[in-house]
Each structure stands twice: as structure tokens, then as C-alpha cells.
Amino acid sequence: MSAEPRPEKSVKPVRPAGRFRRMIERLSTSQEELHSAELQEDAEAAGCTRICDSHDRQIVKVTGTLRTVTLRPRAGVPALEAELFDGSAGLDVVWLGRRSIVGIEPGRRMIASGRIAMSHGRRVLFNPKYELRPLGQEH
């Protein structure tokens, strides 16, 4: 027998498998992370571009939840602004010349398409084509 020491085997931490592991991960994940993951899955299922993957002057179709809706004048013209969040990043959606739009409210899900612009380091969609998601699909 040789006197050479045996190489030690690396010991992997034991992770629960399958359904139990997913349940543990869901219990240990914050509500915001779960909501973000759900929004990202929804965007992928709808065939939309993730907001974090969109670039300046790119034509995109994005989906997500409206976080905020505000009326903010731009160059003396009323402008309805909303922040759309898809779980990966936020995007400002701006309707120029509009004070309000029925259905555009915080918490509402929507699909918007148009050309991305960069304004003050943020992604913006001006006057996008949009589709409000049915209220039955809200979570």
C-alpha cells in the first residue's frame, strides 16, 4: 500500500430537490422579488421585450404593471406620465397632450409598444400604442 494521501472529495451542500425546494425558495423570497419574477414570466409568455434589454431608439413591445401615474406638463403641454415596471427595470410611458386616460391607473397591467427614447438616463416611450390587460388577469 502506498503512503500517499488520498485526495479529499469535495463535499457539496445538500439541497432539497423538486417541489420542496421550490416551496422553501418561495417562503424565503420577499414579496417584491416574487412579484418581479411573476412579471418577468408574464413578459416572456406575452412575447415582449424585457425592459432591461431595450436600448435607445429601439422599437419594442413591453408589458408590466403601472407603478405610478402623474400629470406633469412638458414644455407647457399637459402630459400624462406613468412608470411601467416589468420585473427587470422601469420605463416611463408619456402621453403628450393628455390629462387623463380611462384605465391608466397604478396597479394596472398593460402592454405598450413604440420606440424607446432616453431622457435624463431613463427609458421613455412617448405616445405608445397600448393595450390594457383585462382586470381578471390581475394578481
N, C-alpha and C. Protein backbone atom coordinates (compact mmCIF):
# COMPACT_ATOMS: atom_id res chain seq x y z
N MET A 1 0.83 -1.17 0.00
CA MET A 1 0.00 0.00 0.00
C MET A 1 0.88 1.23 0.00
N SER A 2 0.43 2.23 -0.69
CA SER A 2 1.22 3.44 -0.78
C SER A 2 0.90 4.35 0.39
N ALA A 3 1.86 5.19 0.70
CA ALA A 3 1.70 6.12 1.81
C ALA A 3 1.20 7.47 1.33
N GLU A 4 0.84 7.54 0.06
CA GLU A 4 0.37 8.82 -0.47
C GLU A 4 -1.02 9.12 0.09
N PRO A 5 -1.23 10.36 0.47
CA PRO A 5 -2.56 10.73 0.97
C PRO A 5 -3.58 10.73 -0.18
N ARG A 6 -4.79 10.34 0.15
CA ARG A 6 -5.86 10.35 -0.85
C ARG A 6 -6.36 11.77 -1.05
N PRO A 7 -6.66 12.09 -2.28
CA PRO A 7 -7.26 13.41 -2.48
C PRO A 7 -8.65 13.43 -1.85
N GLU A 8 -8.93 14.52 -1.16
CA GLU A 8 -10.22 14.60 -0.49
C GLU A 8 -11.31 14.92 -1.50
N LYS A 9 -12.44 14.30 -1.30
CA LYS A 9 -13.57 14.55 -2.17
C LYS A 9 -14.23 15.87 -1.75
N SER A 10 -14.63 16.64 -2.74
CA SER A 10 -15.33 17.88 -2.39
C SER A 10 -16.75 17.51 -1.98
N VAL A 11 -17.18 18.10 -0.91
CA VAL A 11 -18.49 17.81 -0.38
C VAL A 11 -19.43 18.93 -0.82
N LYS A 12 -20.47 18.57 -1.56
CA LYS A 12 -21.45 19.56 -2.00
C LYS A 12 -22.52 19.69 -0.93
N PRO A 13 -22.98 20.91 -0.69
CA PRO A 13 -24.07 21.06 0.26
C PRO A 13 -25.32 20.37 -0.32
N VAL A 14 -26.04 19.73 0.54
CA VAL A 14 -27.24 19.01 0.12
C VAL A 14 -28.37 20.01 -0.01
N ARG A 15 -28.98 20.04 -1.20
CA ARG A 15 -30.11 20.94 -1.45
C ARG A 15 -31.36 20.10 -1.60
N PRO A 16 -32.43 20.53 -0.99
CA PRO A 16 -33.68 19.79 -1.18
C PRO A 16 -34.05 19.80 -2.66
N ALA A 17 -34.64 18.74 -3.12
CA ALA A 17 -34.95 18.61 -4.54
C ALA A 17 -36.43 18.86 -4.82
N GLY A 18 -36.69 19.24 -6.07
CA GLY A 18 -38.04 19.31 -6.57
C GLY A 18 -38.97 20.31 -5.92
N ARG A 19 -40.18 19.86 -5.70
CA ARG A 19 -41.26 20.70 -5.20
C ARG A 19 -40.94 21.31 -3.84
N PHE A 20 -40.32 20.52 -2.97
CA PHE A 20 -39.98 21.01 -1.64
C PHE A 20 -38.99 22.18 -1.72
N ARG A 21 -38.00 22.07 -2.60
CA ARG A 21 -37.01 23.14 -2.78
C ARG A 21 -37.68 24.41 -3.27
N ARG A 22 -38.60 24.28 -4.25
CA ARG A 22 -39.30 25.47 -4.75
C ARG A 22 -40.14 26.11 -3.65
N MET A 23 -40.78 25.29 -2.80
CA MET A 23 -41.58 25.83 -1.72
C MET A 23 -40.70 26.59 -0.72
N ILE A 24 -39.55 26.03 -0.39
CA ILE A 24 -38.62 26.70 0.53
C ILE A 24 -38.14 28.01 -0.07
N GLU A 25 -37.80 28.01 -1.36
CA GLU A 25 -37.34 29.24 -2.02
C GLU A 25 -38.44 30.30 -2.01
N ARG A 26 -39.68 29.91 -2.26
CA ARG A 26 -40.79 30.87 -2.26
C ARG A 26 -41.01 31.45 -0.87
N LEU A 27 -40.86 30.62 0.16
CA LEU A 27 -41.05 31.10 1.53
C LEU A 27 -39.95 32.04 1.97
N SER A 28 -38.75 31.85 1.42
CA SER A 28 -37.61 32.67 1.84
C SER A 28 -37.40 33.88 0.93
N THR A 29 -38.24 34.05 -0.08
CA THR A 29 -38.11 35.16 -1.01
C THR A 29 -39.10 36.26 -0.63
N SER A 30 -38.67 37.52 -0.81
CA SER A 30 -39.56 38.64 -0.46
C SER A 30 -40.70 38.76 -1.47
N GLN A 31 -41.77 39.43 -1.06
CA GLN A 31 -42.93 39.63 -1.93
C GLN A 31 -42.54 40.38 -3.20
N GLU A 32 -41.65 41.37 -3.07
CA GLU A 32 -41.24 42.16 -4.22
C GLU A 32 -40.49 41.29 -5.23
N GLU A 33 -39.62 40.40 -4.76
CA GLU A 33 -38.90 39.50 -5.65
C GLU A 33 -39.85 38.55 -6.35
N LEU A 34 -40.84 38.04 -5.61
CA LEU A 34 -41.82 37.14 -6.20
C LEU A 34 -42.64 37.86 -7.28
N HIS A 35 -43.04 39.10 -6.99
CA HIS A 35 -43.81 39.89 -7.95
C HIS A 35 -42.97 40.17 -9.19
N SER A 36 -41.68 40.49 -9.00
CA SER A 36 -40.79 40.75 -10.13
C SER A 36 -40.65 39.51 -11.01
N ALA A 37 -40.47 38.36 -10.38
CA ALA A 37 -40.33 37.11 -11.13
C ALA A 37 -41.61 36.81 -11.91
N GLU A 38 -42.76 37.06 -11.29
CA GLU A 38 -44.05 36.83 -11.95
C GLU A 38 -44.20 37.76 -13.16
N LEU A 39 -43.82 39.02 -13.01
CA LEU A 39 -43.91 39.98 -14.12
C LEU A 39 -42.99 39.57 -15.27
N GLN A 40 -41.79 39.08 -14.95
CA GLN A 40 -40.86 38.66 -15.99
C GLN A 40 -41.38 37.45 -16.74
N GLU A 41 -42.01 36.51 -16.02
CA GLU A 41 -42.61 35.34 -16.67
C GLU A 41 -43.75 35.78 -17.58
N ASP A 42 -44.54 36.75 -17.12
CA ASP A 42 -45.66 37.26 -17.91
C ASP A 42 -45.15 37.92 -19.19
N ALA A 43 -44.07 38.68 -19.10
CA ALA A 43 -43.49 39.35 -20.27
C ALA A 43 -43.00 38.32 -21.28
N GLU A 44 -42.36 37.28 -20.79
CA GLU A 44 -41.86 36.23 -21.68
C GLU A 44 -43.02 35.50 -22.36
N ALA A 45 -44.07 35.19 -21.58
CA ALA A 45 -45.24 34.49 -22.14
C ALA A 45 -45.95 35.33 -23.19
N ALA A 46 -45.95 36.65 -23.03
CA ALA A 46 -46.62 37.55 -23.97
C ALA A 46 -45.75 37.86 -25.19
N GLY A 47 -44.52 37.36 -25.20
CA GLY A 47 -43.62 37.60 -26.33
C GLY A 47 -43.08 39.02 -26.36
N CYS A 48 -42.95 39.62 -25.20
CA CYS A 48 -42.49 41.01 -25.10
C CYS A 48 -41.00 41.09 -24.77
N THR A 49 -40.41 42.23 -25.09
CA THR A 49 -39.02 42.51 -24.75
C THR A 49 -38.93 42.89 -23.28
N ARG A 50 -37.91 42.37 -22.57
CA ARG A 50 -37.70 42.82 -21.20
C ARG A 50 -37.20 44.26 -21.25
N ILE A 51 -37.69 45.08 -20.35
CA ILE A 51 -37.31 46.50 -20.36
C ILE A 51 -35.81 46.66 -20.19
N CYS A 52 -35.18 45.85 -19.35
CA CYS A 52 -33.74 45.98 -19.13
C CYS A 52 -32.93 45.65 -20.40
N ASP A 53 -33.53 44.93 -21.35
CA ASP A 53 -32.83 44.57 -22.59
C ASP A 53 -33.08 45.57 -23.71
N SER A 54 -33.89 46.60 -23.47
CA SER A 54 -34.21 47.58 -24.52
C SER A 54 -33.17 48.69 -24.54
N HIS A 55 -32.95 49.22 -25.75
CA HIS A 55 -31.93 50.25 -25.95
C HIS A 55 -32.54 51.47 -26.61
N ASP A 56 -31.80 52.58 -26.57
CA ASP A 56 -32.24 53.83 -27.16
C ASP A 56 -32.57 53.64 -28.64
N ARG A 57 -33.72 54.19 -29.07
CA ARG A 57 -34.19 54.20 -30.45
C ARG A 57 -34.60 52.82 -30.97
N GLN A 58 -34.79 51.88 -30.08
CA GLN A 58 -35.23 50.54 -30.46
C GLN A 58 -36.76 50.48 -30.41
N ILE A 59 -37.37 49.84 -31.39
CA ILE A 59 -38.81 49.64 -31.37
C ILE A 59 -39.08 48.39 -30.53
N VAL A 60 -39.93 48.54 -29.51
CA VAL A 60 -40.17 47.45 -28.57
C VAL A 60 -41.65 47.25 -28.30
N LYS A 61 -41.94 46.08 -27.77
CA LYS A 61 -43.26 45.77 -27.21
C LYS A 61 -42.96 45.27 -25.80
N VAL A 62 -43.46 45.98 -24.79
CA VAL A 62 -43.18 45.65 -23.40
C VAL A 62 -44.48 45.48 -22.63
N THR A 63 -44.42 44.76 -21.54
CA THR A 63 -45.59 44.59 -20.68
C THR A 63 -45.15 44.70 -19.23
N GLY A 64 -46.07 45.07 -18.38
CA GLY A 64 -45.76 45.19 -16.96
C GLY A 64 -46.91 45.82 -16.20
N THR A 65 -46.60 46.26 -14.99
CA THR A 65 -47.58 46.90 -14.12
C THR A 65 -47.26 48.38 -13.99
N LEU A 66 -48.29 49.22 -14.04
CA LEU A 66 -48.09 50.65 -13.84
C LEU A 66 -47.87 50.90 -12.35
N ARG A 67 -46.73 51.47 -12.00
CA ARG A 67 -46.43 51.77 -10.59
C ARG A 67 -46.98 53.12 -10.18
N THR A 68 -46.73 54.13 -11.00
CA THR A 68 -47.19 55.48 -10.68
C THR A 68 -47.80 56.11 -11.93
N VAL A 69 -48.75 57.01 -11.71
CA VAL A 69 -49.35 57.78 -12.81
C VAL A 69 -49.44 59.22 -12.32
N THR A 70 -48.85 60.14 -13.08
CA THR A 70 -48.85 61.56 -12.68
C THR A 70 -49.12 62.45 -13.89
N LEU A 71 -49.64 63.64 -13.61
CA LEU A 71 -49.83 64.66 -14.64
C LEU A 71 -48.69 65.66 -14.49
N ARG A 72 -47.84 65.75 -15.50
CA ARG A 72 -46.68 66.64 -15.43
C ARG A 72 -46.53 67.37 -16.75
N PRO A 73 -46.69 68.69 -16.76
CA PRO A 73 -46.55 69.43 -18.02
C PRO A 73 -45.14 69.33 -18.60
N ARG A 74 -45.06 69.22 -19.92
CA ARG A 74 -43.78 69.22 -20.64
C ARG A 74 -43.84 70.35 -21.66
N ALA A 75 -42.99 71.34 -21.50
CA ALA A 75 -42.93 72.50 -22.40
C ALA A 75 -44.29 73.17 -22.54
N GLY A 76 -45.00 73.29 -21.41
CA GLY A 76 -46.29 73.97 -21.40
C GLY A 76 -47.46 73.13 -21.89
N VAL A 77 -47.21 71.89 -22.27
CA VAL A 77 -48.26 70.99 -22.76
C VAL A 77 -48.55 69.96 -21.68
N PRO A 78 -49.82 69.68 -21.38
CA PRO A 78 -50.09 68.64 -20.38
C PRO A 78 -49.56 67.29 -20.87
N ALA A 79 -49.05 66.52 -19.93
CA ALA A 79 -48.52 65.20 -20.28
C ALA A 79 -48.84 64.23 -19.14
N LEU A 80 -49.47 63.13 -19.49
CA LEU A 80 -49.75 62.08 -18.52
C LEU A 80 -48.56 61.12 -18.54
N GLU A 81 -47.93 60.94 -17.38
CA GLU A 81 -46.76 60.07 -17.28
C GLU A 81 -47.07 58.91 -16.35
N ALA A 82 -46.58 57.73 -16.73
CA ALA A 82 -46.74 56.54 -15.90
C ALA A 82 -45.43 55.76 -15.92
N GLU A 83 -45.14 55.09 -14.80
CA GLU A 83 -43.96 54.23 -14.76
C GLU A 83 -44.44 52.80 -14.92
N LEU A 84 -43.92 52.13 -15.96
CA LEU A 84 -44.25 50.74 -16.24
C LEU A 84 -43.09 49.88 -15.75
N PHE A 85 -43.39 48.87 -14.94
CA PHE A 85 -42.35 48.00 -14.37
C PHE A 85 -42.64 46.57 -14.78
N ASP A 86 -41.62 45.89 -15.35
CA ASP A 86 -41.81 44.52 -15.82
C ASP A 86 -41.05 43.49 -14.99
N GLY A 87 -40.50 43.89 -13.86
CA GLY A 87 -39.74 42.96 -13.03
C GLY A 87 -38.25 43.04 -13.27
N SER A 88 -37.84 43.60 -14.42
CA SER A 88 -36.41 43.73 -14.69
C SER A 88 -35.96 45.18 -14.60
N ALA A 89 -36.82 46.12 -14.98
CA ALA A 89 -36.48 47.54 -14.95
C ALA A 89 -37.76 48.36 -15.12
N GLY A 90 -37.62 49.66 -14.95
CA GLY A 90 -38.75 50.57 -15.12
C GLY A 90 -38.64 51.34 -16.42
N LEU A 91 -39.77 51.84 -16.89
CA LEU A 91 -39.85 52.58 -18.14
C LEU A 91 -40.90 53.66 -17.96
N ASP A 92 -40.60 54.89 -18.38
CA ASP A 92 -41.59 55.97 -18.32
C ASP A 92 -42.41 55.94 -19.60
N VAL A 93 -43.72 55.94 -19.44
CA VAL A 93 -44.64 55.99 -20.57
C VAL A 93 -45.30 57.36 -20.51
N VAL A 94 -45.22 58.14 -21.61
CA VAL A 94 -45.71 59.52 -21.62
C VAL A 94 -46.69 59.72 -22.76
N TRP A 95 -47.88 60.22 -22.41
CA TRP A 95 -48.88 60.59 -23.40
C TRP A 95 -48.93 62.11 -23.41
N LEU A 96 -48.41 62.73 -24.48
CA LEU A 96 -48.39 64.18 -24.60
C LEU A 96 -49.77 64.69 -24.95
N GLY A 97 -50.17 65.82 -24.33
CA GLY A 97 -51.46 66.44 -24.61
C GLY A 97 -52.63 65.77 -23.91
N ARG A 98 -52.36 64.84 -23.02
CA ARG A 98 -53.44 64.14 -22.31
C ARG A 98 -53.37 64.45 -20.83
N ARG A 99 -54.52 64.74 -20.23
CA ARG A 99 -54.60 64.97 -18.78
C ARG A 99 -54.96 63.69 -18.04
N SER A 100 -55.70 62.82 -18.70
CA SER A 100 -56.06 61.53 -18.11
C SER A 100 -56.49 60.59 -19.21
N ILE A 101 -56.40 59.29 -18.93
CA ILE A 101 -56.85 58.25 -19.84
C ILE A 101 -57.57 57.22 -18.98
N VAL A 102 -58.79 56.90 -19.35
CA VAL A 102 -59.57 55.93 -18.59
C VAL A 102 -58.81 54.59 -18.55
N GLY A 103 -58.66 54.04 -17.36
CA GLY A 103 -57.98 52.75 -17.20
C GLY A 103 -56.51 52.86 -16.87
N ILE A 104 -55.91 54.00 -17.13
CA ILE A 104 -54.49 54.19 -16.80
C ILE A 104 -54.43 54.61 -15.34
N GLU A 105 -54.09 53.66 -14.48
CA GLU A 105 -54.05 53.89 -13.04
C GLU A 105 -53.01 52.96 -12.41
N PRO A 106 -52.47 53.34 -11.25
CA PRO A 106 -51.46 52.49 -10.60
C PRO A 106 -52.01 51.09 -10.32
N GLY A 107 -51.16 50.09 -10.56
CA GLY A 107 -51.54 48.71 -10.32
C GLY A 107 -52.11 48.01 -11.53
N ARG A 108 -52.41 48.74 -12.59
CA ARG A 108 -52.99 48.15 -13.79
C ARG A 108 -51.90 47.55 -14.66
N ARG A 109 -52.16 46.40 -15.24
CA ARG A 109 -51.21 45.79 -16.17
C ARG A 109 -51.52 46.22 -17.59
N MET A 110 -50.47 46.38 -18.39
CA MET A 110 -50.67 46.80 -19.77
C MET A 110 -49.54 46.33 -20.65
N ILE A 111 -49.80 46.34 -21.95
CA ILE A 111 -48.78 46.09 -22.97
C ILE A 111 -48.64 47.40 -23.73
N ALA A 112 -47.41 47.85 -23.94
CA ALA A 112 -47.17 49.10 -24.68
C ALA A 112 -46.12 48.84 -25.75
N SER A 113 -46.28 49.51 -26.89
CA SER A 113 -45.28 49.35 -27.95
C SER A 113 -44.98 50.72 -28.57
N GLY A 114 -43.75 50.86 -28.99
CA GLY A 114 -43.30 52.11 -29.59
C GLY A 114 -41.78 52.14 -29.63
N ARG A 115 -41.22 53.32 -29.87
CA ARG A 115 -39.77 53.49 -29.95
C ARG A 115 -39.24 54.05 -28.64
N ILE A 116 -38.25 53.38 -28.08
CA ILE A 116 -37.62 53.81 -26.83
C ILE A 116 -36.79 55.07 -27.08
N ALA A 117 -36.92 56.02 -26.17
CA ALA A 117 -36.06 57.21 -26.17
C ALA A 117 -35.39 57.26 -24.80
N MET A 118 -34.23 57.86 -24.73
CA MET A 118 -33.55 58.05 -23.45
C MET A 118 -33.69 59.51 -23.07
N SER A 119 -34.18 59.76 -21.85
CA SER A 119 -34.34 61.12 -21.36
C SER A 119 -33.84 61.16 -19.92
N HIS A 120 -32.79 61.92 -19.69
CA HIS A 120 -32.18 62.05 -18.36
C HIS A 120 -31.79 60.69 -17.80
N GLY A 121 -31.29 59.81 -18.67
CA GLY A 121 -30.81 58.49 -18.23
C GLY A 121 -31.91 57.46 -18.01
N ARG A 122 -33.15 57.79 -18.35
CA ARG A 122 -34.26 56.84 -18.18
C ARG A 122 -34.87 56.50 -19.53
N ARG A 123 -35.37 55.27 -19.64
CA ARG A 123 -36.06 54.85 -20.86
C ARG A 123 -37.46 55.47 -20.88
N VAL A 124 -37.88 55.98 -22.04
CA VAL A 124 -39.18 56.63 -22.18
C VAL A 124 -39.85 56.17 -23.47
N LEU A 125 -41.15 55.92 -23.39
CA LEU A 125 -41.98 55.66 -24.58
C LEU A 125 -42.95 56.83 -24.68
N PHE A 126 -42.87 57.60 -25.77
CA PHE A 126 -43.79 58.72 -25.98
C PHE A 126 -44.96 58.27 -26.83
N ASN A 127 -46.17 58.60 -26.39
CA ASN A 127 -47.41 58.30 -27.11
C ASN A 127 -47.43 56.88 -27.68
N PRO A 128 -47.25 55.87 -26.81
CA PRO A 128 -47.18 54.49 -27.31
C PRO A 128 -48.54 53.95 -27.72
N LYS A 129 -48.50 52.93 -28.55
CA LYS A 129 -49.69 52.13 -28.78
C LYS A 129 -49.79 51.24 -27.54
N TYR A 130 -50.97 51.11 -26.95
CA TYR A 130 -51.05 50.35 -25.71
C TYR A 130 -52.32 49.51 -25.66
N GLU A 131 -52.26 48.49 -24.82
CA GLU A 131 -53.39 47.59 -24.60
C GLU A 131 -53.47 47.33 -23.11
N LEU A 132 -54.61 47.65 -22.52
CA LEU A 132 -54.80 47.38 -21.09
C LEU A 132 -55.14 45.91 -20.93
N ARG A 133 -54.52 45.27 -19.95
CA ARG A 133 -54.79 43.86 -19.69
C ARG A 133 -56.10 43.74 -18.94
N PRO A 134 -56.89 42.69 -19.21
CA PRO A 134 -58.16 42.51 -18.51
C PRO A 134 -57.96 42.43 -17.01
N LEU A 135 -58.91 42.99 -16.28
CA LEU A 135 -58.81 43.02 -14.81
C LEU A 135 -58.80 41.61 -14.24
N GLY A 136 -59.36 40.63 -14.92
CA GLY A 136 -59.36 39.25 -14.43
C GLY A 136 -57.98 38.65 -14.37
N GLN A 137 -57.00 39.24 -15.08
CA GLN A 137 -55.64 38.74 -15.08
C GLN A 137 -54.78 39.41 -14.02
N GLU A 138 -55.35 40.32 -13.24
CA GLU A 138 -54.60 40.99 -12.18
C GLU A 138 -54.34 39.99 -11.06
N HIS A 139 -53.19 40.13 -10.40
CA HIS A 139 -52.84 39.25 -9.26
C HIS A 139 -52.73 40.05 -8.01
